[in-house]
N, C-alpha and C. Protein backbone atom coordinates (compact mmCIF):
# COMPACT_ATOMS: atom_id res chain seq x y z
N UNK A 1 -21.36 16.00 26.76
CA UNK A 1 -20.76 16.50 25.55
C UNK A 1 -21.85 17.14 24.69
N UNK A 2 -21.54 18.29 24.15
CA UNK A 2 -22.51 19.01 23.31
C UNK A 2 -22.59 18.36 21.94
N UNK A 3 -23.76 18.36 21.37
CA UNK A 3 -23.96 17.81 20.04
C UNK A 3 -24.14 18.96 19.07
N UNK A 4 -23.44 18.88 17.99
CA UNK A 4 -23.52 19.92 16.96
C UNK A 4 -24.20 19.34 15.74
N UNK A 5 -25.12 20.07 15.19
CA UNK A 5 -25.81 19.63 13.98
C UNK A 5 -25.13 20.26 12.78
N UNK A 6 -24.80 19.43 11.80
CA UNK A 6 -24.16 19.92 10.58
C UNK A 6 -25.15 19.82 9.44
N UNK A 7 -26.04 20.74 9.35
CA UNK A 7 -27.06 20.68 8.31
C UNK A 7 -26.52 20.98 6.92
N UNK A 8 -25.53 21.86 6.84
CA UNK A 8 -25.06 22.25 5.52
C UNK A 8 -23.80 21.50 5.09
N UNK A 9 -23.38 20.50 5.85
CA UNK A 9 -22.13 19.81 5.54
C UNK A 9 -22.28 18.70 4.51
N UNK A 10 -23.50 18.34 4.16
CA UNK A 10 -23.69 17.27 3.20
C UNK A 10 -23.62 15.88 3.81
N UNK A 11 -23.58 15.78 5.12
CA UNK A 11 -23.54 14.47 5.77
C UNK A 11 -24.94 13.88 5.81
N UNK A 12 -25.02 12.59 5.59
CA UNK A 12 -26.28 11.86 5.64
C UNK A 12 -26.26 10.94 6.84
N UNK A 13 -27.41 10.68 7.41
CA UNK A 13 -27.53 9.77 8.54
C UNK A 13 -27.64 8.34 8.02
N UNK A 14 -26.86 7.45 8.62
CA UNK A 14 -26.86 6.05 8.26
C UNK A 14 -27.05 5.25 9.54
N UNK A 15 -28.11 4.52 9.64
CA UNK A 15 -28.38 3.71 10.84
C UNK A 15 -27.94 2.28 10.58
N UNK A 16 -27.14 1.74 11.51
CA UNK A 16 -26.68 0.36 11.38
C UNK A 16 -26.82 -0.34 12.73
N UNK A 17 -26.90 -1.66 12.67
CA UNK A 17 -26.94 -2.46 13.89
C UNK A 17 -25.62 -3.22 13.97
N UNK A 18 -24.99 -3.15 15.14
CA UNK A 18 -23.72 -3.86 15.35
C UNK A 18 -23.82 -4.64 16.66
N UNK A 19 -23.03 -5.69 16.80
CA UNK A 19 -23.02 -6.43 18.06
C UNK A 19 -22.55 -5.53 19.21
N UNK A 20 -23.01 -5.83 20.40
CA UNK A 20 -22.68 -5.02 21.58
C UNK A 20 -21.17 -4.90 21.78
N UNK A 21 -20.44 -6.00 21.57
CA UNK A 21 -18.99 -5.97 21.76
C UNK A 21 -18.32 -5.00 20.77
N UNK A 22 -18.77 -5.00 19.54
CA UNK A 22 -18.21 -4.07 18.55
C UNK A 22 -18.55 -2.63 18.91
N UNK A 23 -19.76 -2.40 19.33
CA UNK A 23 -20.16 -1.07 19.75
C UNK A 23 -19.27 -0.57 20.89
N UNK A 24 -19.01 -1.43 21.85
CA UNK A 24 -18.16 -1.06 22.99
C UNK A 24 -16.74 -0.72 22.53
N UNK A 25 -16.22 -1.49 21.57
CA UNK A 25 -14.87 -1.20 21.07
C UNK A 25 -14.82 0.13 20.33
N UNK A 26 -15.85 0.42 19.56
CA UNK A 26 -15.89 1.69 18.81
C UNK A 26 -16.00 2.86 19.78
N UNK A 27 -16.85 2.73 20.80
CA UNK A 27 -17.00 3.80 21.79
C UNK A 27 -15.68 4.02 22.53
N UNK A 28 -15.01 2.94 22.91
CA UNK A 28 -13.72 3.04 23.60
C UNK A 28 -12.68 3.71 22.72
N UNK A 29 -12.64 3.34 21.45
CA UNK A 29 -11.70 3.94 20.51
C UNK A 29 -11.98 5.43 20.35
N UNK A 30 -13.23 5.81 20.25
CA UNK A 30 -13.59 7.22 20.12
C UNK A 30 -13.13 8.00 21.34
N UNK A 31 -13.32 7.45 22.54
CA UNK A 31 -12.89 8.13 23.76
C UNK A 31 -11.37 8.25 23.80
N UNK A 32 -10.69 7.19 23.41
CA UNK A 32 -9.22 7.21 23.40
C UNK A 32 -8.70 8.29 22.46
N UNK A 33 -9.34 8.41 21.31
CA UNK A 33 -8.93 9.42 20.32
C UNK A 33 -9.47 10.81 20.60
N UNK A 34 -10.33 10.92 21.62
CA UNK A 34 -11.03 12.18 21.91
C UNK A 34 -11.79 12.63 20.67
N UNK A 35 -12.50 11.69 20.11
CA UNK A 35 -13.26 11.90 18.89
C UNK A 35 -14.70 11.48 19.14
N UNK A 36 -15.47 11.41 18.09
CA UNK A 36 -16.85 10.95 18.20
C UNK A 36 -16.95 9.55 17.60
N UNK A 37 -17.97 8.83 18.01
CA UNK A 37 -18.24 7.52 17.43
C UNK A 37 -18.47 7.68 15.93
N UNK A 38 -19.20 8.72 15.54
CA UNK A 38 -19.47 8.95 14.12
C UNK A 38 -18.17 9.12 13.33
N UNK A 39 -17.22 9.86 13.87
CA UNK A 39 -15.95 10.08 13.17
C UNK A 39 -15.18 8.77 13.03
N UNK A 40 -15.15 7.97 14.09
CA UNK A 40 -14.46 6.68 14.03
C UNK A 40 -15.09 5.78 12.98
N UNK A 41 -16.41 5.72 12.95
CA UNK A 41 -17.11 4.89 11.98
C UNK A 41 -16.89 5.41 10.56
N UNK A 42 -16.94 6.74 10.37
CA UNK A 42 -16.68 7.31 9.03
C UNK A 42 -15.29 6.93 8.55
N UNK A 43 -14.27 7.05 9.43
CA UNK A 43 -12.90 6.70 9.04
C UNK A 43 -12.79 5.23 8.68
N UNK A 44 -13.45 4.36 9.46
CA UNK A 44 -13.41 2.93 9.18
C UNK A 44 -14.07 2.62 7.84
N UNK A 45 -15.23 3.22 7.59
CA UNK A 45 -15.92 2.99 6.33
C UNK A 45 -15.12 3.51 5.15
N UNK A 46 -14.50 4.66 5.33
CA UNK A 46 -13.70 5.24 4.24
C UNK A 46 -12.50 4.36 3.92
N UNK A 47 -11.88 3.77 4.94
CA UNK A 47 -10.73 2.90 4.68
C UNK A 47 -11.18 1.58 4.03
N UNK A 48 -12.40 1.15 4.31
CA UNK A 48 -12.92 -0.09 3.74
C UNK A 48 -13.41 0.12 2.31
N UNK A 49 -14.03 1.26 2.07
CA UNK A 49 -14.59 1.57 0.75
C UNK A 49 -14.18 2.98 0.34
N UNK A 50 -12.89 3.16 0.01
CA UNK A 50 -12.42 4.51 -0.29
C UNK A 50 -13.06 5.11 -1.53
N UNK A 51 -13.30 6.39 -1.46
CA UNK A 51 -13.82 7.13 -2.61
C UNK A 51 -12.68 7.82 -3.32
N UNK A 52 -13.02 8.79 -4.12
CA UNK A 52 -11.99 9.52 -4.84
C UNK A 52 -11.19 10.43 -3.92
N UNK A 53 -11.85 10.99 -2.91
CA UNK A 53 -11.14 11.88 -2.00
C UNK A 53 -10.77 13.19 -2.66
N UNK A 54 -9.91 13.92 -2.00
CA UNK A 54 -9.45 15.20 -2.52
C UNK A 54 -8.29 15.01 -3.47
N UNK A 55 -8.22 15.85 -4.47
CA UNK A 55 -7.04 15.86 -5.32
C UNK A 55 -5.94 16.60 -4.56
N UNK A 56 -4.72 16.48 -5.03
CA UNK A 56 -3.62 17.19 -4.37
C UNK A 56 -3.87 18.69 -4.35
N UNK A 57 -4.33 19.24 -5.47
CA UNK A 57 -4.54 20.69 -5.53
C UNK A 57 -5.66 21.13 -4.59
N UNK A 58 -6.68 20.28 -4.39
CA UNK A 58 -7.74 20.62 -3.44
C UNK A 58 -7.21 20.59 -2.01
N UNK A 59 -6.40 19.59 -1.70
CA UNK A 59 -5.84 19.48 -0.35
C UNK A 59 -4.85 20.60 -0.06
N UNK A 60 -4.14 21.07 -1.08
CA UNK A 60 -3.11 22.10 -0.90
C UNK A 60 -3.60 23.50 -1.26
N UNK A 61 -4.90 23.65 -1.42
CA UNK A 61 -5.47 24.93 -1.86
C UNK A 61 -4.96 26.12 -1.04
N UNK A 62 -4.85 25.96 0.27
CA UNK A 62 -4.44 27.08 1.12
C UNK A 62 -2.99 27.50 0.88
N UNK A 63 -2.18 26.61 0.27
CA UNK A 63 -0.78 26.93 0.06
C UNK A 63 -0.47 27.42 -1.35
N UNK A 64 -1.41 27.28 -2.26
CA UNK A 64 -1.18 27.70 -3.64
C UNK A 64 -1.06 29.22 -3.69
N UNK A 65 0.07 29.68 -4.22
CA UNK A 65 0.31 31.11 -4.33
C UNK A 65 0.71 31.79 -3.04
N UNK A 66 1.13 31.03 -2.03
CA UNK A 66 1.45 31.64 -0.74
C UNK A 66 2.87 32.20 -0.69
N UNK A 67 3.71 31.88 -1.67
CA UNK A 67 5.08 32.38 -1.66
C UNK A 67 5.24 33.54 -2.63
N UNK A 68 6.04 34.49 -2.23
CA UNK A 68 6.35 35.63 -3.11
C UNK A 68 7.63 35.33 -3.87
N UNK A 69 7.68 35.76 -5.10
CA UNK A 69 8.88 35.59 -5.91
C UNK A 69 8.92 34.22 -6.57
N UNK A 70 10.01 33.95 -7.24
CA UNK A 70 10.16 32.68 -7.94
C UNK A 70 9.58 32.78 -9.33
N UNK A 71 10.05 31.91 -10.22
CA UNK A 71 9.55 31.95 -11.60
C UNK A 71 8.12 31.46 -11.68
N UNK A 72 7.32 32.10 -12.48
CA UNK A 72 5.93 31.72 -12.64
C UNK A 72 5.73 30.47 -13.47
N UNK A 73 6.79 30.08 -14.21
CA UNK A 73 6.68 28.90 -15.08
C UNK A 73 7.59 27.77 -14.59
N UNK A 74 7.79 27.67 -13.29
CA UNK A 74 8.73 26.71 -12.72
C UNK A 74 8.43 25.27 -13.12
N UNK A 75 7.18 24.90 -13.17
CA UNK A 75 6.85 23.50 -13.46
C UNK A 75 6.70 23.19 -14.95
N UNK A 76 6.72 24.19 -15.80
CA UNK A 76 6.48 23.95 -17.22
C UNK A 76 7.63 24.33 -18.13
N UNK A 77 8.52 25.19 -17.70
CA UNK A 77 9.62 25.64 -18.54
C UNK A 77 10.76 24.63 -18.47
N UNK A 78 11.14 24.04 -19.61
CA UNK A 78 12.20 23.02 -19.62
C UNK A 78 13.52 23.47 -19.01
N UNK A 79 13.84 24.75 -19.10
CA UNK A 79 15.12 25.20 -18.55
C UNK A 79 15.15 25.05 -17.02
N UNK A 80 13.99 25.11 -16.37
CA UNK A 80 13.94 24.94 -14.92
C UNK A 80 13.98 23.46 -14.53
N UNK A 81 13.66 22.58 -15.48
CA UNK A 81 13.60 21.15 -15.20
C UNK A 81 14.89 20.42 -15.52
N UNK A 82 15.90 21.13 -16.05
CA UNK A 82 17.18 20.52 -16.42
C UNK A 82 17.80 19.90 -15.16
N UNK A 83 18.11 18.60 -15.25
CA UNK A 83 18.73 17.89 -14.14
C UNK A 83 17.76 17.43 -13.07
N UNK A 84 16.47 17.70 -13.23
CA UNK A 84 15.47 17.28 -12.23
C UNK A 84 15.35 15.76 -12.21
N UNK A 85 15.35 15.19 -11.05
CA UNK A 85 15.18 13.75 -10.90
C UNK A 85 16.46 12.95 -11.00
N UNK A 86 17.58 13.61 -11.03
CA UNK A 86 18.87 12.87 -11.11
C UNK A 86 19.46 12.73 -9.74
């Protein structure tokens, strides 16, 4: 498998020691997912110690403004919100 270096991604190297059995489970999980050991460990650490993550607008950035037409004040004009949530 080819190794790719991500110099500009902001990733830092973290060296840890784990028991052999845990290492084997992580390697097996990575193979099952067709992922890397690093990705599996990052996901596990993130679920254990979650950060702020992306905001909704950051996650949906590619979709903002992708539709043509519609009112420009849909989310702020009270007349468009009449009956919303009923």
